[in-house]
Amino acid sequence: MKPSSPPRRQLLAAGLTLLLGAADRARAARILALRLWPAREYSRVTLESDEPLRQSHALSVDPHRLSVEIEGLAWQPALTVWAGQAPPDDPNIARIDVAPSRAGTVQLLIGLRHAVRAQVFQIRPVGQYQHRLVLDLYPQQAIDPLEALIADLQRRDRLLPTPEQAPADPLGDFLARQQGSGPAQEAPTDKPRGTDRPFIVVLDPGHGGEDPGAIGPGGTREKDVVLQVALLLRERINARADMRAVLTREGDYFVPLHARVQKARRVQADLLISIHADAFYTPRPQGASVFALSERGATSGAARWLADKENAADGIGGVYAKVQDPGLRQALLDMSTTAQIQDSLRVGGALLGELGRVGRLHKPQVEQAGFAVLKAPDIPSVLVETAFISNPEEEIRLREIGQQNLLADALMRGIERYRAGNPPLARKRPL
């Protein structure tokens, strides 16, 4: 007996299923780039793709490892090459392996040097980027900027208490000792003793990591130039026995805007200087600018435009919003005081006067706008635009170490001018 043929409807359904399956395979996402950003504070792995990625992940111990299953991803042999580029000196990641797991699924295995907290999230296309899957790996034992500063101060002054002698409030004890009160501790007789607390300057090189900032016509990236200027300025500040510099980032990695403010408050800074290199949509503008916070709107349309652009850094750099306390974050960014703004204007005037000695100024007065990074309510804070990186001539100068040194010298003189008229108070700020 001749077998009966499948009904026409079944044949059409089967054909449609095959066509849809082929279409799904054709739409499989492809990785456009795999980027690694190692830092002591955290290490970031970014997979950029032409379509959103579906993933599941799990942390394991013994050995410490993060396993990520990525579905709907076309296998690309280049992935193994990208994975093999993990820096051998990454403080958090030991190695990365990637391999096809099953049809349409790729497994990413990240070997870890120690226990971490993993934040895995996706970012929709923005700026020059398409879809991004971001893996942020934070050490379980987080680095405290205050503890790092105290250790630095103790090394400098040779005040190295044993663990059982360590004070509960090391910075408070240090400041009290410098003022001649508080717990007494004999220091070596050859150690110079000051009478003032150290003047703590937080230097904030803008952008970093996934956020390159402005890019000049010759390809110079803002994030690279401003980090170099900040490192040179740190050398000058730390050469002074009565001053200390803390950087919000010490390498090429991204730091959210609110985290920069929190770091400055954590170390009880006397001053915050955010360093940038301006850009405009035409190549003509040139010269340095200094900005302070404004409670009443920007002092010019250009200042408002620049503040909006700088405040968009979190969207480009990538922030894991779920771990933020929205109430706390908003409160921090909303707080500002008239006294803080007045102090900031004085700082800005001193810096602007010195910058005018080494190059052209874009505006002869300190401008104001609502920059998020300037909203610490108890720290004088300014944002310095060292030059217009979008201007071809200024871009060339910004790349030169000689010009970078001139900028660092000018900023150092401005800090000293401000400090001469505004000595730090021996106070403990709220942390």
Protein backbone atom coordinates (compact mmCIF):
# COMPACT_ATOMS: atom_id res chain seq x y z
CA MET A 1 0.00 0.00 0.00
CA LYS A 2 1.41 3.37 -1.00
CA PRO A 3 2.07 5.64 1.98
CA SER A 4 -0.07 8.73 2.07
CA SER A 5 1.61 12.08 1.42
CA PRO A 6 1.67 14.74 4.19
CA PRO A 7 -1.16 17.22 3.91
CA ARG A 8 -0.30 20.38 2.02
CA ARG A 9 -0.70 22.44 5.24
CA GLN A 10 1.98 20.35 6.99
CA LEU A 11 4.37 20.83 4.11
CA LEU A 12 3.84 24.60 4.18
CA ALA A 13 4.38 24.70 7.95
CA ALA A 14 7.57 22.67 7.67
CA GLY A 15 8.85 24.91 4.92
CA LEU A 16 8.05 28.01 6.94
CA THR A 17 9.86 26.56 9.95
CA LEU A 18 12.95 25.92 7.84
CA LEU A 19 12.83 29.43 6.43
CA LEU A 20 12.45 31.00 9.89
CA GLY A 21 15.27 28.87 11.24
CA ALA A 22 17.51 29.97 8.38
CA ALA A 23 16.53 33.60 9.03
CA ASP A 24 17.33 33.24 12.74
CA ARG A 25 20.73 31.81 11.88
CA ALA A 26 21.29 34.65 9.43
CA ARG A 27 20.45 37.13 12.18
CA ALA A 28 22.92 35.60 14.66
CA ALA A 29 24.86 38.36 16.38
CA ARG A 30 28.47 38.94 15.52
CA ILE A 31 31.12 40.31 17.83
CA LEU A 32 32.60 43.54 16.49
CA ALA A 33 35.19 44.04 19.22
CA LEU A 34 36.31 42.60 22.54
CA ARG A 35 37.97 45.20 24.77
CA LEU A 36 39.76 44.73 28.09
CA TRP A 37 40.27 47.51 30.65
CA PRO A 38 42.44 46.36 33.59
CA ALA A 39 42.74 48.44 36.78
CA ARG A 40 43.29 47.91 40.50
CA GLU A 41 39.80 49.21 41.27
CA TYR A 42 38.13 46.84 38.81
CA SER A 43 38.64 45.12 35.47
CA ARG A 44 36.15 45.48 32.63
CA VAL A 45 35.52 43.17 29.67
CA THR A 46 33.36 44.62 26.89
CA LEU A 47 31.91 42.66 23.99
CA GLU A 48 30.53 44.93 21.29
CA SER A 49 28.12 43.30 18.85
CA ASP A 50 25.84 44.20 15.96
CA GLU A 51 22.80 42.78 17.81
CA PRO A 52 21.87 42.53 21.51
CA LEU A 53 23.31 39.46 23.23
CA ARG A 54 21.38 37.06 25.47
CA GLN A 55 23.54 35.77 28.29
CA SER A 56 23.56 33.89 31.57
CA HIS A 57 26.49 33.87 33.95
CA ALA A 58 27.73 32.25 37.13
CA LEU A 59 30.63 32.76 39.52
CA SER A 60 32.49 29.79 40.93
CA VAL A 61 35.25 29.28 43.49
CA ASP A 62 38.17 26.86 43.65
CA PRO A 63 39.13 27.99 41.15
CA HIS A 64 37.69 31.50 41.04
CA ARG A 65 36.04 31.84 37.66
CA LEU A 66 33.23 33.67 35.85
CA SER A 67 31.39 31.58 33.25
CA VAL A 68 29.25 33.41 30.68
CA GLU A 69 26.95 31.58 28.24
CA ILE A 70 26.08 33.82 25.28
CA GLU A 71 23.17 32.71 23.12
CA GLY A 72 22.41 33.68 19.55
CA LEU A 73 26.03 34.45 18.80
CA ALA A 74 27.78 33.33 15.64
CA TRP A 75 31.07 31.58 16.35
CA GLN A 76 34.07 33.52 15.09
CA PRO A 77 37.61 32.08 15.26
CA ALA A 78 38.85 35.62 15.89
CA LEU A 79 37.27 35.38 19.34
CA THR A 80 40.07 33.10 20.51
CA VAL A 81 42.63 35.63 19.30
CA TRP A 82 40.86 38.47 21.12
CA ALA A 83 40.59 36.40 24.29
CA GLY A 84 44.30 35.62 24.20
CA GLN A 85 45.11 39.33 24.42
CA ALA A 86 44.25 39.53 28.13
CA PRO A 87 47.11 41.48 29.77
CA PRO A 88 49.30 39.18 31.88
CA ASP A 89 49.51 41.84 34.60
CA ASP A 90 45.74 42.36 34.97
CA PRO A 91 45.22 42.56 38.76
CA ASN A 92 41.88 40.71 38.63
CA ILE A 93 41.82 38.52 35.50
CA ALA A 94 44.26 35.65 35.09
CA ARG A 95 43.12 34.44 31.67
CA ILE A 96 40.19 34.38 29.25
CA ASP A 97 39.05 31.37 27.21
CA VAL A 98 36.26 31.31 24.66
CA ALA A 99 34.82 28.39 22.71
CA PRO A 100 31.61 27.29 20.99
CA SER A 101 29.40 25.58 23.55
CA ARG A 102 26.49 24.31 21.46
CA ALA A 103 24.70 25.44 18.33
CA GLY A 104 24.31 29.21 18.46
CA THR A 105 25.94 29.48 21.90
CA VAL A 106 29.42 30.65 22.87
CA GLN A 107 30.95 30.15 26.31
CA LEU A 108 33.28 32.74 27.82
CA LEU A 109 35.40 31.54 30.74
CA ILE A 110 37.24 34.20 32.74
CA GLY A 111 39.82 32.86 35.18
CA LEU A 112 40.14 35.15 38.21
CA ARG A 113 43.05 35.87 40.53
CA HIS A 114 40.79 36.18 43.59
CA ALA A 115 37.16 36.45 44.64
CA VAL A 116 35.25 39.18 42.82
CA ARG A 117 31.84 40.83 42.63
CA ALA A 118 30.59 40.65 39.07
CA GLN A 119 28.32 43.21 37.44
CA VAL A 120 27.06 42.04 34.06
CA PHE A 121 24.87 44.41 32.06
CA GLN A 122 24.07 45.59 28.55
CA ILE A 123 24.26 49.05 27.00
CA ARG A 124 22.20 50.08 24.02
CA PRO A 125 23.90 51.75 21.04
CA VAL A 126 25.22 55.19 21.89
CA GLY A 127 27.80 57.47 20.29
CA GLN A 128 30.29 55.45 18.24
CA TYR A 129 29.28 52.15 19.85
CA GLN A 130 26.75 49.50 18.88
CA HIS A 131 25.33 47.00 21.41
CA ARG A 132 27.67 46.27 24.33
CA LEU A 133 27.73 43.47 26.87
CA VAL A 134 29.80 44.65 29.84
CA LEU A 135 31.42 42.50 32.53
CA ASP A 136 32.75 44.52 35.47
CA LEU A 137 34.83 42.53 37.97
CA TYR A 138 35.41 44.19 41.35
CA PRO A 139 37.69 42.67 44.01
CA GLN A 140 35.70 41.40 46.99
CA GLN A 141 38.17 43.33 49.13
CA ALA A 142 37.46 46.75 47.64
CA ILE A 143 40.22 49.34 47.51
CA ASP A 144 39.43 52.21 49.87
CA PRO A 145 40.91 55.51 48.61
CA LEU A 146 41.09 56.82 52.18
CA GLU A 147 43.15 53.84 53.34
CA ALA A 148 45.43 54.24 50.33
CA LEU A 149 45.94 57.92 51.15
CA ILE A 150 46.68 57.16 54.81
CA ALA A 151 49.22 54.53 53.83
CA ASP A 152 50.86 57.05 51.49
CA LEU A 153 50.98 59.70 54.22
CA GLN A 154 52.40 57.22 56.72
CA ARG A 155 55.09 56.12 54.32
CA ARG A 156 56.01 59.71 53.64
CA ASP A 157 56.22 60.65 57.30
CA ARG A 158 57.54 57.25 58.50
CA LEU A 159 54.57 56.83 60.81
CA LEU A 160 54.03 53.11 60.47
CA PRO A 161 52.06 51.76 63.46
CA THR A 162 51.83 48.03 63.91
CA PRO A 163 48.38 46.52 63.26
CA GLU A 164 47.51 46.42 66.97
CA GLN A 165 48.48 50.10 67.26
CA ALA A 166 46.58 51.24 64.19
CA PRO A 167 43.97 53.87 65.15
CA ALA A 168 40.29 53.36 64.37
CA ASP A 169 40.29 56.69 62.54
CA PRO A 170 43.74 56.84 60.93
CA LEU A 171 43.24 60.12 59.05
CA GLY A 172 41.69 61.80 62.09
CA ASP A 173 44.61 60.58 64.22
CA PHE A 174 47.09 61.74 61.60
CA LEU A 175 45.52 65.19 61.42
CA ALA A 176 45.38 65.44 65.21
CA ARG A 177 49.07 64.55 65.47
CA GLN A 178 49.89 67.18 62.87
CA GLN A 179 48.03 69.74 65.02
CA GLY A 180 49.84 68.65 68.17
CA SER A 181 46.87 66.96 69.86
CA GLY A 182 45.30 63.51 69.98
CA PRO A 183 47.08 60.21 70.62
CA ALA A 184 50.77 60.79 71.14
CA GLN A 185 53.24 58.65 69.25
CA GLU A 186 56.96 59.12 69.12
CA ALA A 187 58.30 59.67 65.65
CA PRO A 188 61.91 59.27 64.52
CA THR A 189 63.93 62.30 65.53
CA ASP A 190 64.99 62.99 61.96
CA LYS A 191 61.41 63.25 60.69
CA PRO A 192 60.35 66.85 59.96
CA ARG A 193 57.11 67.63 61.79
CA GLY A 194 54.64 70.04 60.24
CA THR A 195 52.02 72.08 61.99
CA ASP A 196 49.29 71.91 59.32
CA ARG A 197 47.31 69.05 57.92
CA PRO A 198 48.31 68.10 54.35
CA PHE A 199 46.46 69.96 51.62
CA ILE A 200 44.70 67.21 49.68
CA VAL A 201 44.04 67.82 45.98
CA VAL A 202 41.93 65.36 44.00
CA LEU A 203 42.83 65.37 40.31
CA ASP A 204 40.12 64.05 38.03
CA PRO A 205 41.32 63.15 34.51
CA GLY A 206 38.09 63.17 32.50
CA HIS A 207 36.67 60.21 30.58
CA GLY A 208 38.69 56.96 30.31
CA GLY A 209 38.17 53.38 29.22
CA GLU A 210 35.07 52.98 27.07
CA ASP A 211 34.68 56.77 26.99
CA PRO A 212 37.53 58.33 24.95
CA GLY A 213 36.18 61.86 25.33
CA ALA A 214 36.77 64.22 22.43
CA ILE A 215 38.96 63.06 19.56
CA GLY A 216 41.06 65.57 17.64
CA PRO A 217 41.29 65.71 13.84
CA GLY A 218 44.62 63.89 14.08
CA GLY A 219 43.19 61.10 16.25
CA THR A 220 44.42 62.37 19.64
CA ARG A 221 42.09 61.15 22.39
CA GLU A 222 41.12 63.48 25.20
CA LYS A 223 41.30 60.72 27.82
CA ASP A 224 45.01 60.12 27.07
CA VAL A 225 46.10 63.77 27.12
CA VAL A 226 44.29 64.69 30.34
CA LEU A 227 45.62 61.62 32.18
CA GLN A 228 49.17 62.60 31.23
CA VAL A 229 48.66 66.18 32.46
CA ALA A 230 47.16 64.85 35.71
CA LEU A 231 50.12 62.52 36.30
CA LEU A 232 52.57 65.38 35.73
CA LEU A 233 50.60 67.61 38.09
CA ARG A 234 50.55 64.86 40.73
CA GLU A 235 54.35 64.74 40.63
CA ARG A 236 54.50 68.47 41.38
CA ILE A 237 51.96 68.32 44.19
CA ASN A 238 53.55 65.30 45.86
CA ALA A 239 56.95 66.98 45.74
CA ARG A 240 55.60 69.39 48.38
CA ALA A 241 55.87 68.07 51.94
CA ASP A 242 52.60 69.74 52.93
CA MET A 243 50.46 68.62 49.98
CA ARG A 244 49.18 65.35 48.55
CA ALA A 245 47.43 64.46 45.30
CA VAL A 246 44.86 61.70 44.74
CA LEU A 247 43.71 60.70 41.24
CA THR A 248 40.19 59.54 40.47
CA ARG A 249 41.73 57.25 37.86
CA GLU A 250 45.36 56.30 37.41
CA GLY A 251 45.02 54.49 34.09
CA ASP A 252 42.83 53.98 31.07
CA TYR A 253 39.55 52.86 32.64
CA PHE A 254 36.13 54.40 33.15
CA VAL A 255 34.96 55.98 36.41
CA PRO A 256 31.31 57.12 36.73
CA LEU A 257 30.77 60.81 37.47
CA HIS A 258 29.21 60.29 40.91
CA ALA A 259 32.06 57.92 41.88
CA ARG A 260 34.58 60.68 41.15
CA VAL A 261 32.74 63.00 43.54
CA GLN A 262 32.44 60.28 46.19
CA LYS A 263 36.16 59.54 46.01
CA ALA A 264 36.99 63.20 46.61
CA ARG A 265 34.68 63.28 49.63
CA ARG A 266 36.04 59.98 50.95
CA VAL A 267 39.59 61.33 51.14
CA GLN A 268 38.33 64.63 52.63
CA ALA A 269 39.77 66.65 49.77
CA ASP A 270 40.47 70.36 50.04
CA LEU A 271 40.19 70.83 46.29
CA LEU A 272 38.96 68.93 43.22
CA ILE A 273 40.26 69.75 39.74
CA SER A 274 38.64 67.93 36.81
CA ILE A 275 40.94 68.08 33.77
CA HIS A 276 39.59 67.99 30.21
CA ALA A 277 40.46 69.03 26.65
CA ASP A 278 37.55 70.81 25.01
CA ALA A 279 36.02 70.11 21.62
CA PHE A 280 33.57 71.96 19.45
CA TYR A 281 31.77 71.08 16.22
CA THR A 282 33.98 73.50 14.28
CA PRO A 283 37.81 73.59 14.39
CA ARG A 284 38.13 77.34 14.99
CA PRO A 285 37.61 77.77 18.79
CA GLN A 286 40.81 77.72 20.82
CA GLY A 287 42.14 78.51 24.27
CA ALA A 288 41.81 77.26 27.85
CA SER A 289 38.71 77.67 30.01
CA VAL A 290 37.85 77.13 33.68
CA PHE A 291 34.37 76.31 34.96
CA ALA A 292 32.72 76.29 38.37
CA LEU A 293 29.31 75.01 39.38
CA SER A 294 26.22 77.12 38.84
CA GLU A 295 22.99 76.96 40.82
CA ARG A 296 21.15 79.27 38.45
CA GLY A 297 21.92 77.95 34.99
CA ALA A 298 24.91 78.28 32.71
CA THR A 299 26.61 81.63 32.16
CA SER A 300 26.63 81.06 28.40
CA GLY A 301 25.14 78.83 25.76
CA ALA A 302 28.55 77.27 25.13
CA ALA A 303 28.98 76.49 28.83
CA ARG A 304 25.56 74.81 28.91
CA TRP A 305 26.39 72.81 25.77
CA LEU A 306 29.71 71.68 27.25
CA ALA A 307 28.16 70.69 30.60
CA ASP A 308 25.51 68.62 28.82
CA LYS A 309 28.23 66.89 26.79
CA GLU A 310 30.42 66.13 29.81
CA ASN A 311 27.44 64.97 31.89
CA ALA A 312 26.65 62.43 29.16
CA ALA A 313 29.90 60.56 29.93
CA ASP A 314 28.13 57.92 32.04
CA GLY A 315 26.00 56.87 29.08
CA ILE A 316 29.05 56.43 26.87
CA GLY A 317 31.35 54.91 29.48
CA GLY A 318 28.71 52.52 30.80
CA VAL A 319 27.26 52.53 34.31
CA TYR A 320 25.53 49.59 36.00
CA ALA A 321 22.49 51.49 37.22
CA LYS A 322 21.02 48.66 39.33
CA VAL A 323 23.71 48.93 42.00
CA GLN A 324 23.28 52.65 42.43
CA ASP A 325 21.09 53.97 45.21
CA PRO A 326 19.06 56.43 43.11
CA GLY A 327 18.07 58.47 46.16
CA LEU A 328 21.64 58.82 47.38
CA ARG A 329 23.02 59.49 43.92
CA GLN A 330 20.46 62.18 43.19
CA ALA A 331 20.98 63.77 46.60
CA LEU A 332 24.73 63.93 45.98
CA LEU A 333 24.30 65.53 42.58
CA ASP A 334 21.68 67.97 43.83
CA MET A 335 23.68 69.25 46.81
CA SER A 336 25.55 72.48 46.39
CA THR A 337 26.21 75.47 48.57
CA THR A 338 26.85 79.12 47.92
CA ALA A 339 30.08 78.89 49.94
CA GLN A 340 31.37 76.01 47.83
CA ILE A 341 30.64 77.90 44.62
CA GLN A 342 32.35 81.06 45.89
CA ASP A 343 35.44 79.06 46.85
CA SER A 344 35.36 77.35 43.47
CA LEU A 345 35.28 80.72 41.70
CA ARG A 346 38.35 81.80 43.66
CA VAL A 347 40.17 78.59 42.69
CA GLY A 348 39.10 79.05 39.10
CA GLY A 349 40.35 82.64 39.00
CA ALA A 350 43.78 81.58 40.27
CA LEU A 351 44.04 78.74 37.74
CA LEU A 352 42.80 80.85 34.86
CA GLY A 353 45.35 83.58 35.57
CA GLU A 354 48.20 81.06 35.43
CA LEU A 355 46.89 79.28 32.33
CA GLY A 356 46.82 82.66 30.59
CA ARG A 357 50.59 82.87 31.08
CA VAL A 358 51.27 79.71 29.05
CA GLY A 359 48.69 79.98 26.29
CA ARG A 360 45.58 81.61 24.94
CA LEU A 361 42.38 81.81 27.02
CA HIS A 362 39.03 81.08 25.44
CA LYS A 363 37.23 83.30 27.98
CA PRO A 364 38.92 85.77 30.38
CA GLN A 365 36.64 84.88 33.29
CA VAL A 366 35.55 81.71 35.08
CA GLU A 367 32.33 80.39 33.57
CA GLN A 368 29.63 78.41 35.35
CA ALA A 369 27.35 75.51 34.43
CA GLY A 370 25.78 72.43 36.00
CA PHE A 371 28.67 69.96 35.70
CA ALA A 372 27.82 66.80 37.66
CA VAL A 373 31.45 66.21 38.68
CA LEU A 374 31.58 69.60 40.46
CA LYS A 375 28.65 68.91 42.81
CA ALA A 376 30.46 67.93 46.00
CA PRO A 377 28.78 70.28 48.50
CA ASP A 378 31.84 70.69 50.74
CA ILE A 379 34.80 70.74 48.32
CA PRO A 380 35.81 73.66 46.09
CA SER A 381 35.64 72.12 42.62
CA VAL A 382 36.55 73.35 39.15
CA LEU A 383 36.67 71.88 35.67
CA VAL A 384 39.64 72.94 33.53
CA GLU A 385 39.48 72.71 29.75
CA THR A 386 43.18 72.84 28.91
CA ALA A 387 42.62 73.61 25.20
CA PHE A 388 40.39 72.76 22.24
CA ILE A 389 41.50 69.36 21.05
CA SER A 390 39.24 69.93 18.03
CA ASN A 391 41.53 72.77 16.91
CA PRO A 392 44.33 71.21 14.77
CA GLU A 393 47.05 73.52 16.13
CA GLU A 394 46.06 73.02 19.76
CA GLU A 395 45.76 69.27 19.25
CA ILE A 396 49.40 69.16 18.11
CA ARG A 397 50.51 71.14 21.17
CA LEU A 398 48.48 68.98 23.54
CA ARG A 399 50.39 65.91 22.33
CA GLU A 400 53.76 67.49 23.13
CA ILE A 401 55.30 66.70 26.51
CA GLY A 402 56.66 70.24 26.67
CA GLN A 403 53.16 71.72 26.49
CA GLN A 404 51.86 69.15 28.97
CA ASN A 405 54.57 70.22 31.41
CA LEU A 406 53.68 73.88 30.90
CA LEU A 407 50.04 73.10 31.69
CA ALA A 408 51.02 71.14 34.81
CA ASP A 409 53.28 74.00 35.95
CA ALA A 410 50.52 76.55 35.42
CA LEU A 411 47.96 74.49 37.33
CA MET A 412 50.44 73.98 40.16
CA ARG A 413 51.05 77.72 40.45
CA GLY A 414 47.30 78.30 40.47
CA ILE A 415 46.83 75.77 43.29
CA GLU A 416 49.57 77.45 45.30
CA ARG A 417 48.03 80.89 44.73
CA TYR A 418 44.65 79.69 45.93
CA ARG A 419 46.08 77.86 48.91
CA ALA A 420 48.12 80.86 50.04
CA GLY A 421 44.89 82.76 50.67
CA ASN A 422 42.80 79.78 51.78
CA PRO A 423 44.69 77.56 54.26
CA PRO A 424 43.04 74.19 54.91
CA LEU A 425 41.02 73.78 58.08
CA ALA A 426 41.91 71.01 60.52
CA ARG A 427 38.48 69.50 60.28
CA LYS A 428 37.03 66.11 59.62
CA ARG A 429 34.51 66.15 56.81
CA PRO A 430 31.57 63.74 56.77
CA LEU A 431 32.46 60.58 54.86
